Amino acid sequence: MTITHIVLFQFKAGVSAEVVKDVCTSMLALKDNCLHPTSQKPYILSSSGGKDNSPEGIQSGITHAFVVEFASAADRDYYVEKDPAHLEFVRRFGGVLEKVQAVDYTPGVL
């Protein structure tokens, strides 16, 4: 069963628009940069995201959202715990983020 991984970012005050764009571009590039440890081919099924534009006003500081889809929990777990490209992304950009939230779900599992 597929796993949908939702990641929400709030950037630290004073982070430049250029850095924000670099983080977002790099986050979306993980779809192609993350390679399965056995096949050495990209394993993220889909990835999308961008800047919040909700008129509701209940974002609690979150400014950007990303949705990443994996074929299995095993693929998601590898991504979170071991994928070198993802771990490098976290290392490189973790310092510019004030808050990061992640929520995962399996479609249809209520």
N, C-alpha and C. Protein backbone atom coordinates (compact mmCIF):
# COMPACT_ATOMS: atom_id res chain seq x y z
N MET A 1 0.84 -1.19 0.00
CA MET A 1 0.00 0.00 0.00
C MET A 1 0.88 1.25 0.00
N THR A 2 0.44 2.25 -0.72
CA THR A 2 1.22 3.47 -0.79
C THR A 2 1.18 4.22 0.54
N ILE A 3 2.19 5.03 0.74
CA ILE A 3 2.29 5.91 1.90
C ILE A 3 2.41 7.34 1.38
N THR A 4 1.58 8.22 1.92
CA THR A 4 1.66 9.64 1.59
C THR A 4 2.34 10.34 2.75
N HIS A 5 3.40 11.07 2.45
CA HIS A 5 4.26 11.74 3.44
C HIS A 5 4.10 13.24 3.21
N ILE A 6 3.54 13.93 4.20
CA ILE A 6 3.33 15.38 4.10
C ILE A 6 4.33 16.08 5.01
N VAL A 7 5.06 17.04 4.45
CA VAL A 7 6.07 17.77 5.20
C VAL A 7 5.74 19.26 5.13
N LEU A 8 5.77 19.91 6.30
CA LEU A 8 5.44 21.33 6.40
C LEU A 8 6.64 22.08 6.97
N PHE A 9 6.95 23.23 6.37
CA PHE A 9 8.10 24.04 6.79
C PHE A 9 7.67 25.41 7.25
N GLN A 10 8.34 25.88 8.30
CA GLN A 10 8.34 27.29 8.68
C GLN A 10 9.80 27.71 8.71
N PHE A 11 10.14 28.71 7.94
CA PHE A 11 11.52 29.19 7.88
C PHE A 11 11.81 30.14 9.02
N LYS A 12 13.06 30.17 9.45
CA LYS A 12 13.47 31.11 10.49
C LYS A 12 13.36 32.53 9.96
N ALA A 13 13.11 33.47 10.87
CA ALA A 13 13.04 34.88 10.50
C ALA A 13 14.35 35.30 9.85
N GLY A 14 14.25 36.09 8.81
CA GLY A 14 15.44 36.63 8.16
C GLY A 14 16.05 35.75 7.08
N VAL A 15 15.50 34.55 6.86
CA VAL A 15 16.03 33.70 5.78
C VAL A 15 15.65 34.34 4.45
N SER A 16 16.63 34.49 3.59
CA SER A 16 16.40 35.18 2.32
C SER A 16 15.49 34.39 1.39
N ALA A 17 14.86 35.10 0.47
CA ALA A 17 14.00 34.46 -0.53
C ALA A 17 14.81 33.49 -1.38
N GLU A 18 16.07 33.81 -1.62
CA GLU A 18 16.94 32.94 -2.42
C GLU A 18 17.16 31.60 -1.72
N VAL A 19 17.39 31.63 -0.41
CA VAL A 19 17.59 30.40 0.35
C VAL A 19 16.29 29.59 0.41
N VAL A 20 15.15 30.27 0.62
CA VAL A 20 13.86 29.59 0.63
C VAL A 20 13.64 28.87 -0.70
N LYS A 21 13.93 29.54 -1.78
CA LYS A 21 13.76 28.93 -3.11
C LYS A 21 14.70 27.73 -3.26
N ASP A 22 15.93 27.85 -2.78
CA ASP A 22 16.89 26.75 -2.87
C ASP A 22 16.41 25.54 -2.07
N VAL A 23 15.88 25.77 -0.88
CA VAL A 23 15.35 24.68 -0.06
C VAL A 23 14.20 23.99 -0.80
N CYS A 24 13.28 24.78 -1.31
CA CYS A 24 12.11 24.22 -1.99
C CYS A 24 12.49 23.45 -3.26
N THR A 25 13.37 24.01 -4.04
CA THR A 25 13.84 23.34 -5.26
C THR A 25 14.55 22.04 -4.91
N SER A 26 15.36 22.09 -3.86
CA SER A 26 16.09 20.89 -3.44
C SER A 26 15.14 19.83 -2.89
N MET A 27 14.11 20.26 -2.18
CA MET A 27 13.12 19.32 -1.65
C MET A 27 12.43 18.58 -2.81
N LEU A 28 12.02 19.32 -3.81
CA LEU A 28 11.35 18.70 -4.96
C LEU A 28 12.30 17.82 -5.77
N ALA A 29 13.58 18.18 -5.79
CA ALA A 29 14.58 17.40 -6.54
C ALA A 29 14.85 16.04 -5.90
N LEU A 30 14.47 15.87 -4.64
CA LEU A 30 14.69 14.58 -3.99
C LEU A 30 13.99 13.45 -4.74
N LYS A 31 12.92 13.75 -5.45
CA LYS A 31 12.21 12.72 -6.22
C LYS A 31 13.17 12.02 -7.19
N ASP A 32 14.06 12.77 -7.78
CA ASP A 32 15.02 12.19 -8.73
C ASP A 32 16.35 11.83 -8.08
N ASN A 33 16.68 12.49 -6.99
CA ASN A 33 17.99 12.29 -6.35
C ASN A 33 18.03 11.13 -5.36
N CYS A 34 16.88 10.73 -4.85
CA CYS A 34 16.83 9.60 -3.91
C CYS A 34 16.76 8.31 -4.71
N LEU A 35 17.74 7.46 -4.50
CA LEU A 35 17.84 6.21 -5.25
C LEU A 35 17.63 5.01 -4.34
N HIS A 36 16.89 4.04 -4.84
CA HIS A 36 16.63 2.82 -4.08
C HIS A 36 17.95 2.09 -3.85
N PRO A 37 18.18 1.56 -2.65
CA PRO A 37 19.48 0.94 -2.36
C PRO A 37 19.78 -0.30 -3.19
N THR A 38 18.77 -0.99 -3.69
CA THR A 38 18.99 -2.19 -4.48
C THR A 38 19.05 -1.89 -5.97
N SER A 39 18.04 -1.18 -6.48
CA SER A 39 17.95 -0.93 -7.92
C SER A 39 18.78 0.27 -8.37
N GLN A 40 19.12 1.15 -7.44
CA GLN A 40 19.83 2.41 -7.75
C GLN A 40 19.03 3.27 -8.71
N LYS A 41 17.71 3.17 -8.64
CA LYS A 41 16.80 3.99 -9.44
C LYS A 41 15.92 4.80 -8.51
N PRO A 42 15.42 5.95 -8.97
CA PRO A 42 14.51 6.74 -8.13
C PRO A 42 13.31 5.90 -7.69
N TYR A 43 12.92 6.07 -6.43
CA TYR A 43 11.83 5.27 -5.88
C TYR A 43 10.67 6.09 -5.34
N ILE A 44 10.79 7.39 -5.32
CA ILE A 44 9.68 8.25 -4.90
C ILE A 44 8.68 8.28 -6.05
N LEU A 45 7.44 7.91 -5.77
CA LEU A 45 6.43 7.83 -6.83
C LEU A 45 6.02 9.21 -7.34
N SER A 46 5.84 10.15 -6.42
CA SER A 46 5.47 11.51 -6.82
C SER A 46 5.88 12.48 -5.72
N SER A 47 6.05 13.73 -6.12
CA SER A 47 6.43 14.77 -5.18
C SER A 47 5.91 16.10 -5.71
N SER A 48 5.25 16.85 -4.84
CA SER A 48 4.78 18.18 -5.21
C SER A 48 4.82 19.06 -3.97
N GLY A 49 4.73 20.34 -4.20
CA GLY A 49 4.72 21.24 -3.06
C GLY A 49 4.97 22.67 -3.47
N GLY A 50 4.91 23.54 -2.48
CA GLY A 50 5.16 24.95 -2.74
C GLY A 50 4.74 25.82 -1.57
N LYS A 51 4.64 27.10 -1.87
CA LYS A 51 4.33 28.12 -0.86
C LYS A 51 2.84 28.11 -0.53
N ASP A 52 2.54 28.23 0.74
CA ASP A 52 1.16 28.28 1.20
C ASP A 52 0.43 29.46 0.59
N ASN A 53 -0.83 29.22 0.20
CA ASN A 53 -1.66 30.32 -0.28
C ASN A 53 -3.09 30.22 0.26
N SER A 54 -3.24 29.54 1.39
CA SER A 54 -4.56 29.37 2.00
C SER A 54 -5.06 30.68 2.60
N PRO A 55 -6.32 31.03 2.38
CA PRO A 55 -6.89 32.22 2.97
C PRO A 55 -7.41 31.99 4.39
N GLU A 56 -7.31 30.77 4.91
CA GLU A 56 -7.92 30.44 6.20
C GLU A 56 -7.24 31.07 7.41
N GLY A 57 -5.94 31.33 7.31
CA GLY A 57 -5.24 31.97 8.42
C GLY A 57 -4.97 31.06 9.61
N ILE A 58 -4.94 29.75 9.39
CA ILE A 58 -4.70 28.81 10.48
C ILE A 58 -3.40 28.02 10.27
N GLN A 59 -2.44 28.62 9.62
CA GLN A 59 -1.20 27.94 9.28
C GLN A 59 -0.22 27.82 10.44
N SER A 60 -0.41 28.58 11.50
CA SER A 60 0.48 28.53 12.68
C SER A 60 1.95 28.70 12.29
N GLY A 61 2.22 29.59 11.36
CA GLY A 61 3.60 29.88 10.97
C GLY A 61 4.11 29.06 9.80
N ILE A 62 3.43 28.00 9.44
CA ILE A 62 3.86 27.15 8.32
C ILE A 62 3.72 27.95 7.03
N THR A 63 4.77 27.93 6.21
CA THR A 63 4.76 28.71 4.97
C THR A 63 4.84 27.87 3.71
N HIS A 64 5.30 26.61 3.83
CA HIS A 64 5.49 25.76 2.66
C HIS A 64 5.07 24.33 2.99
N ALA A 65 4.49 23.65 2.00
CA ALA A 65 4.03 22.28 2.19
C ALA A 65 4.48 21.41 1.01
N PHE A 66 4.79 20.16 1.32
CA PHE A 66 5.23 19.21 0.32
C PHE A 66 4.55 17.87 0.56
N VAL A 67 4.17 17.20 -0.52
CA VAL A 67 3.53 15.89 -0.45
C VAL A 67 4.38 14.93 -1.28
N VAL A 68 4.84 13.86 -0.61
CA VAL A 68 5.71 12.87 -1.24
C VAL A 68 5.01 11.51 -1.12
N GLU A 69 4.95 10.77 -2.22
CA GLU A 69 4.28 9.48 -2.20
C GLU A 69 5.29 8.35 -2.41
N PHE A 70 5.17 7.34 -1.55
CA PHE A 70 6.04 6.16 -1.61
C PHE A 70 5.20 4.93 -1.89
N ALA A 71 5.79 3.92 -2.51
CA ALA A 71 5.08 2.69 -2.83
C ALA A 71 4.82 1.85 -1.59
N SER A 72 5.64 2.03 -0.55
CA SER A 72 5.51 1.19 0.64
C SER A 72 6.06 1.90 1.87
N ALA A 73 5.70 1.36 3.02
CA ALA A 73 6.25 1.87 4.27
C ALA A 73 7.77 1.65 4.31
N ALA A 74 8.22 0.55 3.74
CA ALA A 74 9.66 0.27 3.72
C ALA A 74 10.42 1.35 2.94
N ASP A 75 9.86 1.78 1.80
CA ASP A 75 10.50 2.85 1.04
C ASP A 75 10.51 4.15 1.82
N ARG A 76 9.39 4.48 2.48
CA ARG A 76 9.33 5.69 3.30
C ARG A 76 10.34 5.63 4.44
N ASP A 77 10.43 4.47 5.08
CA ASP A 77 11.36 4.33 6.20
C ASP A 77 12.80 4.48 5.74
N TYR A 78 13.13 3.90 4.59
CA TYR A 78 14.48 4.06 4.04
C TYR A 78 14.76 5.55 3.79
N TYR A 79 13.82 6.24 3.18
CA TYR A 79 13.95 7.67 2.89
C TYR A 79 14.23 8.46 4.17
N VAL A 80 13.44 8.22 5.19
CA VAL A 80 13.55 8.99 6.43
C VAL A 80 14.83 8.65 7.20
N GLU A 81 15.19 7.37 7.23
CA GLU A 81 16.26 6.92 8.12
C GLU A 81 17.62 6.75 7.47
N LYS A 82 17.67 6.45 6.15
CA LYS A 82 18.95 6.04 5.57
C LYS A 82 19.32 6.68 4.24
N ASP A 83 18.35 7.19 3.50
CA ASP A 83 18.67 7.67 2.15
C ASP A 83 19.71 8.80 2.22
N PRO A 84 20.87 8.61 1.59
CA PRO A 84 21.93 9.63 1.68
C PRO A 84 21.50 10.99 1.13
N ALA A 85 20.74 11.01 0.06
CA ALA A 85 20.32 12.30 -0.51
C ALA A 85 19.38 13.03 0.44
N HIS A 86 18.45 12.31 1.06
CA HIS A 86 17.53 12.94 2.01
C HIS A 86 18.28 13.40 3.26
N LEU A 87 19.16 12.55 3.78
CA LEU A 87 19.91 12.93 4.98
C LEU A 87 20.80 14.15 4.72
N GLU A 88 21.36 14.25 3.53
CA GLU A 88 22.17 15.43 3.17
C GLU A 88 21.27 16.66 3.09
N PHE A 89 20.07 16.53 2.54
CA PHE A 89 19.12 17.64 2.50
C PHE A 89 18.84 18.13 3.92
N VAL A 90 18.56 17.22 4.84
CA VAL A 90 18.26 17.59 6.23
C VAL A 90 19.47 18.28 6.85
N ARG A 91 20.66 17.74 6.64
CA ARG A 91 21.88 18.33 7.19
C ARG A 91 22.12 19.73 6.63
N ARG A 92 21.94 19.86 5.33
CA ARG A 92 22.24 21.12 4.65
C ARG A 92 21.27 22.24 5.03
N PHE A 93 20.00 21.92 5.17
CA PHE A 93 19.00 22.97 5.32
C PHE A 93 18.33 23.02 6.69
N GLY A 94 18.59 22.07 7.55
CA GLY A 94 17.94 22.06 8.85
C GLY A 94 18.13 23.35 9.63
N GLY A 95 19.23 24.01 9.46
CA GLY A 95 19.53 25.23 10.20
C GLY A 95 18.73 26.45 9.82
N VAL A 96 18.04 26.42 8.68
CA VAL A 96 17.25 27.59 8.25
C VAL A 96 15.76 27.41 8.56
N LEU A 97 15.42 26.26 9.13
CA LEU A 97 14.02 25.97 9.40
C LEU A 97 13.69 26.16 10.88
N GLU A 98 12.67 26.93 11.14
CA GLU A 98 12.20 27.15 12.50
C GLU A 98 11.39 25.95 12.98
N LYS A 99 10.55 25.44 12.10
CA LYS A 99 9.67 24.33 12.44
C LYS A 99 9.51 23.42 11.23
N VAL A 100 9.54 22.13 11.50
CA VAL A 100 9.26 21.12 10.47
C VAL A 100 8.26 20.15 11.06
N GLN A 101 7.21 19.87 10.32
CA GLN A 101 6.24 18.89 10.75
C GLN A 101 6.07 17.86 9.64
N ALA A 102 5.88 16.61 10.02
CA ALA A 102 5.64 15.55 9.05
C ALA A 102 4.47 14.70 9.53
N VAL A 103 3.59 14.41 8.60
CA VAL A 103 2.45 13.54 8.86
C VAL A 103 2.38 12.56 7.70
N ASP A 104 2.26 11.29 8.03
CA ASP A 104 2.16 10.25 7.01
C ASP A 104 0.84 9.52 7.16
N TYR A 105 0.34 9.01 6.03
CA TYR A 105 -0.86 8.19 6.10
C TYR A 105 -0.90 7.23 4.93
N THR A 106 -1.66 6.16 5.12
CA THR A 106 -1.94 5.21 4.06
C THR A 106 -3.35 5.52 3.56
N PRO A 107 -3.49 5.88 2.28
CA PRO A 107 -4.82 6.21 1.76
C PRO A 107 -5.84 5.11 2.06
N GLY A 108 -6.98 5.54 2.57
CA GLY A 108 -8.06 4.62 2.85
C GLY A 108 -8.03 4.01 4.23
N VAL A 109 -6.91 4.14 4.95
CA VAL A 109 -6.83 3.60 6.31
C VAL A 109 -7.28 4.69 7.26
N LEU A 110 -8.44 4.48 7.86
CA LEU A 110 -9.04 5.49 8.72
C LEU A 110 -8.85 5.14 10.13
